[in-house]
């Protein structure tokens, strides 16, 4: 079983991939439910393609990656709790569909609170676009290790 020991990153190798297997949970709203008006460069197909590429990229770097796709509220908390109950995570990344759509602010609050309650040792991070997901995970794990 993977434990939530601090990542094997020191200040001298903060930009380097951790040596131990790390678990990352990627949390996002089902792309078919997202209002992309606030993200005009994205659509459901691009998000799905980026998600697959990010999963593959993180896996290639040695991370164990799980994805948690939630709805806009009816079952979001329960689905996220179930995903978090599968074991300890070193990092939980919350996608833009949860946090940048103004109508989703209450969902974002609930997601943060569920992560805080059920994965208190995990780094919580936010990418700025699907294109920087891999670097965001690396940066967040390094920063978390150096706290």
N, C-alpha and C. Protein backbone atom coordinates (compact mmCIF):
# COMPACT_ATOMS: atom_id res chain seq x y z
N UNK A 1 0.84 -1.18 0.00
CA UNK A 1 0.00 0.00 0.00
C UNK A 1 0.88 1.24 0.00
N UNK A 2 0.50 2.22 -0.80
CA UNK A 2 1.24 3.47 -0.87
C UNK A 2 0.87 4.32 0.33
N UNK A 3 1.86 4.86 1.00
CA UNK A 3 1.58 5.74 2.14
C UNK A 3 1.79 7.17 1.73
N UNK A 4 1.38 8.07 2.57
CA UNK A 4 1.51 9.48 2.26
C UNK A 4 2.76 10.06 2.89
N UNK A 5 3.89 9.34 2.79
CA UNK A 5 5.16 9.89 3.22
C UNK A 5 5.47 11.08 2.35
N UNK A 6 6.29 11.97 2.85
CA UNK A 6 6.66 13.14 2.05
C UNK A 6 7.36 12.67 0.78
N UNK A 7 7.14 13.36 -0.36
CA UNK A 7 7.81 12.99 -1.60
C UNK A 7 9.33 13.03 -1.43
N UNK A 8 10.02 12.15 -2.14
CA UNK A 8 11.47 12.05 -2.04
C UNK A 8 12.13 13.12 -2.90
N UNK A 9 11.92 14.37 -2.51
CA UNK A 9 12.49 15.49 -3.24
C UNK A 9 13.15 16.40 -2.21
N UNK A 10 14.37 16.77 -2.47
CA UNK A 10 15.04 17.71 -1.57
C UNK A 10 15.13 19.06 -2.25
N UNK A 11 15.57 20.05 -1.51
CA UNK A 11 15.71 21.38 -2.11
C UNK A 11 16.70 21.35 -3.27
N UNK A 12 17.67 20.47 -3.21
CA UNK A 12 18.67 20.43 -4.27
C UNK A 12 18.16 19.76 -5.53
N UNK A 13 17.11 18.96 -5.44
CA UNK A 13 16.58 18.32 -6.65
C UNK A 13 15.10 18.61 -6.82
N UNK A 14 14.66 19.80 -6.42
CA UNK A 14 13.24 20.15 -6.43
C UNK A 14 12.63 20.09 -7.82
N UNK A 15 13.41 20.27 -8.88
CA UNK A 15 12.85 20.20 -10.22
C UNK A 15 12.89 18.81 -10.81
N UNK A 16 13.39 17.86 -10.07
CA UNK A 16 13.56 16.50 -10.55
C UNK A 16 12.39 15.64 -10.12
N UNK A 17 12.03 14.69 -10.93
CA UNK A 17 10.95 13.77 -10.62
C UNK A 17 11.25 13.01 -9.34
N UNK A 18 10.29 12.85 -8.45
CA UNK A 18 10.53 12.08 -7.23
C UNK A 18 10.87 10.64 -7.57
N UNK A 19 11.68 10.03 -6.70
CA UNK A 19 12.13 8.67 -6.98
C UNK A 19 11.08 7.63 -6.60
N UNK A 20 10.27 7.91 -5.61
CA UNK A 20 9.25 6.95 -5.19
C UNK A 20 8.00 7.11 -6.04
N UNK A 21 7.25 6.03 -6.20
CA UNK A 21 6.00 6.07 -6.94
C UNK A 21 5.03 7.01 -6.24
N UNK A 22 4.50 7.97 -6.93
CA UNK A 22 3.56 8.94 -6.37
C UNK A 22 2.21 8.80 -7.04
N UNK A 23 1.16 8.97 -6.24
CA UNK A 23 -0.21 8.86 -6.76
C UNK A 23 -0.80 10.25 -6.92
N UNK A 24 -1.37 10.48 -8.09
CA UNK A 24 -2.00 11.75 -8.42
C UNK A 24 -3.44 11.48 -8.81
N UNK A 25 -4.35 12.28 -8.26
CA UNK A 25 -5.76 12.22 -8.65
C UNK A 25 -6.09 13.47 -9.43
N UNK A 26 -6.56 13.29 -10.66
CA UNK A 26 -6.99 14.40 -11.50
C UNK A 26 -8.52 14.48 -11.40
N UNK A 27 -9.02 15.61 -10.91
CA UNK A 27 -10.46 15.79 -10.70
C UNK A 27 -10.99 16.79 -11.71
N UNK A 28 -12.02 16.40 -12.42
CA UNK A 28 -12.61 17.31 -13.40
C UNK A 28 -14.08 17.04 -13.61
N UNK A 29 -14.75 18.07 -14.06
CA UNK A 29 -16.17 17.95 -14.42
C UNK A 29 -16.25 17.22 -15.76
N UNK A 30 -17.24 16.37 -15.89
CA UNK A 30 -17.50 15.70 -17.17
C UNK A 30 -17.53 16.79 -18.25
N UNK A 31 -16.65 16.71 -19.25
CA UNK A 31 -16.56 17.80 -20.23
C UNK A 31 -17.86 18.08 -20.99
N UNK A 32 -18.75 17.12 -21.05
CA UNK A 32 -20.02 17.38 -21.73
C UNK A 32 -20.92 18.30 -20.91
N UNK A 33 -20.59 18.52 -19.65
CA UNK A 33 -21.40 19.36 -18.77
C UNK A 33 -20.82 20.77 -18.58
N UNK A 34 -19.61 21.01 -19.08
CA UNK A 34 -18.91 22.27 -18.84
C UNK A 34 -19.42 23.36 -19.79
N UNK A 35 -19.62 24.55 -19.24
CA UNK A 35 -19.94 25.73 -20.04
C UNK A 35 -18.60 26.34 -20.45
N UNK A 36 -18.24 26.17 -21.71
CA UNK A 36 -16.92 26.60 -22.18
C UNK A 36 -16.87 28.06 -22.60
N UNK A 37 -17.91 28.84 -22.34
CA UNK A 37 -17.88 30.26 -22.71
C UNK A 37 -16.76 31.01 -22.00
N UNK A 38 -16.39 30.58 -20.79
CA UNK A 38 -15.29 31.24 -20.07
C UNK A 38 -13.92 30.69 -20.48
N UNK A 39 -13.93 29.65 -21.31
CA UNK A 39 -12.69 29.04 -21.79
C UNK A 39 -12.82 28.82 -23.30
N UNK A 40 -12.81 29.91 -24.09
CA UNK A 40 -13.14 29.80 -25.52
C UNK A 40 -12.18 28.93 -26.33
N UNK A 41 -10.98 28.67 -25.84
CA UNK A 41 -10.03 27.83 -26.58
C UNK A 41 -10.27 26.34 -26.36
N UNK A 42 -11.24 26.01 -25.52
CA UNK A 42 -11.50 24.61 -25.19
C UNK A 42 -12.90 24.19 -25.58
N UNK A 43 -13.04 22.90 -25.75
CA UNK A 43 -14.35 22.27 -25.91
C UNK A 43 -14.21 20.85 -25.36
N UNK A 44 -15.31 20.13 -25.32
CA UNK A 44 -15.30 18.79 -24.71
C UNK A 44 -14.28 17.87 -25.37
N UNK A 45 -14.18 17.90 -26.69
CA UNK A 45 -13.26 17.01 -27.40
C UNK A 45 -11.81 17.35 -27.06
N UNK A 46 -11.48 18.64 -27.01
CA UNK A 46 -10.11 19.03 -26.67
C UNK A 46 -9.77 18.65 -25.23
N UNK A 47 -10.72 18.80 -24.34
CA UNK A 47 -10.47 18.44 -22.94
C UNK A 47 -10.23 16.93 -22.82
N UNK A 48 -11.05 16.14 -23.50
CA UNK A 48 -10.85 14.68 -23.46
C UNK A 48 -9.49 14.29 -24.02
N UNK A 49 -9.09 14.91 -25.13
CA UNK A 49 -7.79 14.60 -25.75
C UNK A 49 -6.65 15.02 -24.81
N UNK A 50 -6.76 16.19 -24.23
CA UNK A 50 -5.72 16.66 -23.30
C UNK A 50 -5.65 15.78 -22.07
N UNK A 51 -6.78 15.35 -21.57
CA UNK A 51 -6.81 14.47 -20.39
C UNK A 51 -6.09 13.16 -20.67
N UNK A 52 -6.35 12.59 -21.84
CA UNK A 52 -5.67 11.34 -22.20
C UNK A 52 -4.16 11.56 -22.34
N UNK A 53 -3.77 12.67 -22.97
CA UNK A 53 -2.34 12.96 -23.13
C UNK A 53 -1.68 13.22 -21.78
N UNK A 54 -2.36 13.93 -20.89
CA UNK A 54 -1.80 14.20 -19.55
C UNK A 54 -1.65 12.93 -18.75
N UNK A 55 -2.65 12.07 -18.81
CA UNK A 55 -2.58 10.78 -18.11
C UNK A 55 -1.37 10.00 -18.60
N UNK A 56 -1.21 9.94 -19.91
CA UNK A 56 -0.08 9.20 -20.49
C UNK A 56 1.25 9.85 -20.11
N UNK A 57 1.32 11.17 -20.15
CA UNK A 57 2.56 11.88 -19.82
C UNK A 57 2.96 11.68 -18.37
N UNK A 58 2.00 11.78 -17.46
CA UNK A 58 2.30 11.58 -16.04
C UNK A 58 2.69 10.13 -15.76
N UNK A 59 2.01 9.20 -16.40
CA UNK A 59 2.32 7.78 -16.23
C UNK A 59 3.74 7.49 -16.75
N UNK A 60 4.09 8.08 -17.89
CA UNK A 60 5.43 7.88 -18.46
C UNK A 60 6.52 8.40 -17.52
N UNK A 61 6.19 9.40 -16.72
CA UNK A 61 7.16 9.94 -15.76
C UNK A 61 7.23 9.13 -14.47
N UNK A 62 6.40 8.09 -14.38
CA UNK A 62 6.46 7.22 -13.21
C UNK A 62 5.38 7.45 -12.17
N UNK A 63 4.46 8.36 -12.44
CA UNK A 63 3.37 8.60 -11.50
C UNK A 63 2.27 7.57 -11.71
N UNK A 64 1.56 7.25 -10.63
CA UNK A 64 0.33 6.49 -10.74
C UNK A 64 -0.79 7.52 -10.81
N UNK A 65 -1.56 7.49 -11.87
CA UNK A 65 -2.55 8.53 -12.13
C UNK A 65 -3.95 7.92 -12.13
N UNK A 66 -4.83 8.57 -11.40
CA UNK A 66 -6.25 8.20 -11.43
C UNK A 66 -7.03 9.44 -11.79
N UNK A 67 -8.14 9.23 -12.45
CA UNK A 67 -9.00 10.32 -12.87
C UNK A 67 -10.35 10.18 -12.18
N UNK A 68 -10.87 11.31 -11.72
CA UNK A 68 -12.18 11.35 -11.08
C UNK A 68 -13.03 12.36 -11.85
N UNK A 69 -14.01 11.86 -12.58
CA UNK A 69 -14.90 12.72 -13.36
C UNK A 69 -16.18 12.90 -12.56
N UNK A 70 -16.50 14.19 -12.30
CA UNK A 70 -17.68 14.49 -11.48
C UNK A 70 -18.73 15.23 -12.30
N UNK A 71 -19.93 15.25 -11.75
CA UNK A 71 -20.99 16.04 -12.37
C UNK A 71 -20.99 17.43 -11.74
N UNK A 72 -22.04 18.18 -11.97
CA UNK A 72 -22.08 19.55 -11.47
C UNK A 72 -22.67 19.67 -10.07
N UNK A 73 -22.84 18.55 -9.38
CA UNK A 73 -23.26 18.67 -7.99
C UNK A 73 -24.07 17.54 -7.43
N UNK A 74 -24.92 16.91 -8.22
CA UNK A 74 -25.82 15.89 -7.68
C UNK A 74 -25.06 14.76 -6.98
N UNK A 75 -24.01 14.27 -7.62
CA UNK A 75 -23.24 13.17 -7.03
C UNK A 75 -21.76 13.50 -6.90
N UNK A 76 -21.38 14.74 -7.18
CA UNK A 76 -19.95 15.11 -7.22
C UNK A 76 -19.21 14.74 -5.95
N UNK A 77 -19.75 15.11 -4.80
CA UNK A 77 -19.04 14.83 -3.54
C UNK A 77 -18.90 13.34 -3.29
N UNK A 78 -19.94 12.58 -3.53
CA UNK A 78 -19.90 11.14 -3.30
C UNK A 78 -18.90 10.46 -4.23
N UNK A 79 -18.88 10.88 -5.49
CA UNK A 79 -17.94 10.30 -6.45
C UNK A 79 -16.50 10.63 -6.06
N UNK A 80 -16.27 11.86 -5.64
CA UNK A 80 -14.93 12.26 -5.21
C UNK A 80 -14.50 11.53 -3.95
N UNK A 81 -15.39 11.41 -2.98
CA UNK A 81 -15.07 10.65 -1.75
C UNK A 81 -14.69 9.22 -2.09
N UNK A 82 -15.44 8.61 -2.99
CA UNK A 82 -15.15 7.23 -3.39
C UNK A 82 -13.76 7.13 -4.02
N UNK A 83 -13.43 8.07 -4.89
CA UNK A 83 -12.11 8.06 -5.52
C UNK A 83 -11.01 8.22 -4.48
N UNK A 84 -11.21 9.15 -3.55
CA UNK A 84 -10.20 9.39 -2.51
C UNK A 84 -10.06 8.22 -1.55
N UNK A 85 -11.09 7.41 -1.43
CA UNK A 85 -11.05 6.27 -0.50
C UNK A 85 -10.26 5.10 -1.07
N UNK A 86 -9.82 5.20 -2.32
CA UNK A 86 -9.08 4.09 -2.92
C UNK A 86 -7.64 4.00 -2.44
N UNK A 87 -7.22 4.94 -1.61
CA UNK A 87 -5.85 4.93 -1.08
C UNK A 87 -5.35 6.35 -0.91
N UNK A 88 -4.12 6.45 -0.45
CA UNK A 88 -3.53 7.78 -0.22
C UNK A 88 -3.05 8.39 -1.53
N UNK A 89 -3.28 9.68 -1.67
CA UNK A 89 -2.81 10.43 -2.84
C UNK A 89 -1.77 11.44 -2.37
N UNK A 90 -0.76 11.63 -3.19
CA UNK A 90 0.27 12.62 -2.91
C UNK A 90 -0.12 13.99 -3.46
N UNK A 91 -0.97 13.98 -4.48
CA UNK A 91 -1.36 15.21 -5.14
C UNK A 91 -2.77 15.06 -5.69
N UNK A 92 -3.59 16.10 -5.53
CA UNK A 92 -4.92 16.14 -6.12
C UNK A 92 -4.98 17.41 -6.96
N UNK A 93 -5.17 17.25 -8.26
CA UNK A 93 -5.27 18.39 -9.17
C UNK A 93 -6.73 18.59 -9.53
N UNK A 94 -7.20 19.83 -9.37
CA UNK A 94 -8.60 20.16 -9.64
C UNK A 94 -8.65 20.98 -10.91
N UNK A 95 -9.38 20.47 -11.89
CA UNK A 95 -9.42 21.07 -13.22
C UNK A 95 -10.23 22.35 -13.32
N UNK A 96 -10.02 23.03 -14.44
CA UNK A 96 -10.63 24.33 -14.68
C UNK A 96 -12.15 24.29 -14.74
N UNK A 97 -12.71 23.19 -15.23
CA UNK A 97 -14.17 23.10 -15.29
C UNK A 97 -14.82 23.19 -13.93
N UNK A 98 -14.08 22.81 -12.90
CA UNK A 98 -14.58 22.90 -11.53
C UNK A 98 -14.41 24.32 -11.00
N UNK A 99 -13.28 24.95 -11.32
CA UNK A 99 -12.93 26.18 -10.60
C UNK A 99 -13.03 27.49 -11.34
N UNK A 100 -13.07 27.51 -12.67
CA UNK A 100 -13.08 28.80 -13.37
C UNK A 100 -14.44 29.22 -13.91
N UNK A 101 -15.37 28.31 -13.95
CA UNK A 101 -16.72 28.68 -14.40
C UNK A 101 -17.42 29.33 -13.21
N UNK A 102 -17.80 30.60 -13.32
CA UNK A 102 -18.37 31.31 -12.16
C UNK A 102 -19.55 30.58 -11.51
N UNK A 103 -20.37 29.93 -12.27
CA UNK A 103 -21.53 29.23 -11.71
C UNK A 103 -21.13 28.02 -10.88
N UNK A 104 -19.87 27.60 -10.97
CA UNK A 104 -19.41 26.41 -10.25
C UNK A 104 -18.69 26.72 -8.94
N UNK A 105 -18.76 27.96 -8.47
CA UNK A 105 -18.01 28.31 -7.26
C UNK A 105 -18.43 27.47 -6.06
N UNK A 106 -19.70 27.18 -5.90
CA UNK A 106 -20.13 26.35 -4.77
C UNK A 106 -19.65 24.91 -4.92
N UNK A 107 -19.65 24.42 -6.15
CA UNK A 107 -19.09 23.09 -6.42
C UNK A 107 -17.60 23.09 -6.08
N UNK A 108 -16.89 24.12 -6.48
CA UNK A 108 -15.45 24.23 -6.19
C UNK A 108 -15.21 24.20 -4.68
N UNK A 109 -16.00 24.94 -3.92
CA UNK A 109 -15.86 24.93 -2.46
C UNK A 109 -16.08 23.53 -1.90
N UNK A 110 -17.12 22.84 -2.39
CA UNK A 110 -17.40 21.49 -1.89
C UNK A 110 -16.27 20.53 -2.24
N UNK A 111 -15.74 20.64 -3.45
CA UNK A 111 -14.64 19.78 -3.87
C UNK A 111 -13.41 20.01 -2.99
N UNK A 112 -13.06 21.26 -2.77
CA UNK A 112 -11.90 21.57 -1.91
C UNK A 112 -12.10 20.99 -0.52
N UNK A 113 -13.28 21.15 0.03
CA UNK A 113 -13.54 20.64 1.38
C UNK A 113 -13.50 19.12 1.45
N UNK A 114 -13.99 18.44 0.43
CA UNK A 114 -13.91 16.98 0.40
C UNK A 114 -12.46 16.53 0.33
N UNK A 115 -11.66 17.18 -0.51
CA UNK A 115 -10.24 16.82 -0.61
C UNK A 115 -9.54 17.10 0.71
N UNK A 116 -9.80 18.25 1.28
CA UNK A 116 -9.18 18.61 2.57
C UNK A 116 -9.52 17.59 3.66
N UNK A 117 -10.76 17.15 3.68
CA UNK A 117 -11.22 16.20 4.70
C UNK A 117 -10.70 14.79 4.47
N UNK A 118 -10.67 14.34 3.22
CA UNK A 118 -10.37 12.93 2.94
C UNK A 118 -8.96 12.68 2.42
N UNK A 119 -8.22 13.74 2.13
CA UNK A 119 -6.82 13.59 1.70
C UNK A 119 -6.00 14.74 2.29
N UNK A 120 -5.99 14.86 3.61
CA UNK A 120 -5.37 16.03 4.24
C UNK A 120 -3.86 16.16 4.02
N UNK A 121 -3.20 15.09 3.64
CA UNK A 121 -1.75 15.16 3.41
C UNK A 121 -1.39 15.39 1.96
N UNK A 122 -2.38 15.40 1.08
CA UNK A 122 -2.12 15.58 -0.34
C UNK A 122 -1.91 17.04 -0.69
N UNK A 123 -0.99 17.27 -1.61
CA UNK A 123 -0.87 18.61 -2.20
C UNK A 123 -2.10 18.83 -3.06
N UNK A 124 -2.64 20.03 -3.02
CA UNK A 124 -3.76 20.40 -3.88
C UNK A 124 -3.20 21.39 -4.89
N UNK A 125 -3.46 21.13 -6.17
CA UNK A 125 -2.91 22.02 -7.18
C UNK A 125 -3.91 22.30 -8.29
N UNK A 126 -3.59 23.33 -9.06
CA UNK A 126 -4.45 23.79 -10.14
C UNK A 126 -3.60 24.09 -11.36
N UNK A 127 -3.92 23.47 -12.47
CA UNK A 127 -3.22 23.81 -13.69
C UNK A 127 -3.81 25.09 -14.27
N UNK A 128 -3.08 25.74 -15.17
CA UNK A 128 -3.62 26.94 -15.80
C UNK A 128 -4.27 26.61 -17.14
N UNK A 129 -3.91 25.46 -17.68
CA UNK A 129 -4.51 24.97 -18.92
C UNK A 129 -4.22 23.47 -18.99
N UNK A 130 -4.92 22.75 -19.85
CA UNK A 130 -4.60 21.33 -19.98
C UNK A 130 -3.14 21.09 -20.38
N UNK A 131 -2.53 22.06 -21.03
CA UNK A 131 -1.16 21.91 -21.50
C UNK A 131 -0.10 21.94 -20.42
N UNK A 132 -0.41 22.43 -19.23
CA UNK A 132 0.62 22.48 -18.19
C UNK A 132 0.33 21.54 -17.01
N UNK A 133 -0.50 20.57 -17.22
CA UNK A 133 -0.87 19.64 -16.16
C UNK A 133 0.33 18.86 -15.62
N UNK A 134 1.15 18.35 -16.51
CA UNK A 134 2.30 17.55 -16.07
C UNK A 134 3.26 18.41 -15.25
N UNK A 135 3.59 19.59 -15.76
CA UNK A 135 4.52 20.46 -15.03
C UNK A 135 3.90 20.94 -13.71
N UNK A 136 2.61 21.18 -13.69
CA UNK A 136 1.94 21.59 -12.46
C UNK A 136 2.06 20.51 -11.39
N UNK A 137 1.85 19.26 -11.77
CA UNK A 137 1.97 18.16 -10.80
C UNK A 137 3.39 18.07 -10.27
N UNK A 138 4.37 18.16 -11.13
CA UNK A 138 5.78 18.11 -10.69
C UNK A 138 6.09 19.26 -9.75
N UNK A 139 5.69 20.47 -10.12
CA UNK A 139 5.94 21.66 -9.30
C UNK A 139 5.27 21.54 -7.94
N UNK A 140 4.04 21.10 -7.94
CA UNK A 140 3.29 21.00 -6.69
C UNK A 140 3.88 19.96 -5.74
N UNK A 141 4.28 18.82 -6.27
CA UNK A 141 4.90 17.81 -5.43
C UNK A 141 6.24 18.29 -4.87
N UNK A 142 7.01 19.01 -5.67
CA UNK A 142 8.29 19.54 -5.19
C UNK A 142 8.06 20.57 -4.11
N UNK A 143 7.11 21.47 -4.32
CA UNK A 143 6.81 22.50 -3.31
C UNK A 143 6.29 21.88 -2.02
N UNK A 144 5.45 20.88 -2.15
CA UNK A 144 4.87 20.21 -0.99
C UNK A 144 5.95 19.53 -0.17
N UNK A 145 6.93 18.95 -0.87
CA UNK A 145 8.02 18.26 -0.18
C UNK A 145 8.91 19.23 0.59
N UNK A 146 8.98 20.46 0.11
CA UNK A 146 9.88 21.44 0.71
C UNK A 146 9.19 22.33 1.73
N UNK A 147 8.00 22.00 2.12
CA UNK A 147 7.29 22.85 3.09
C UNK A 147 7.72 22.57 4.49
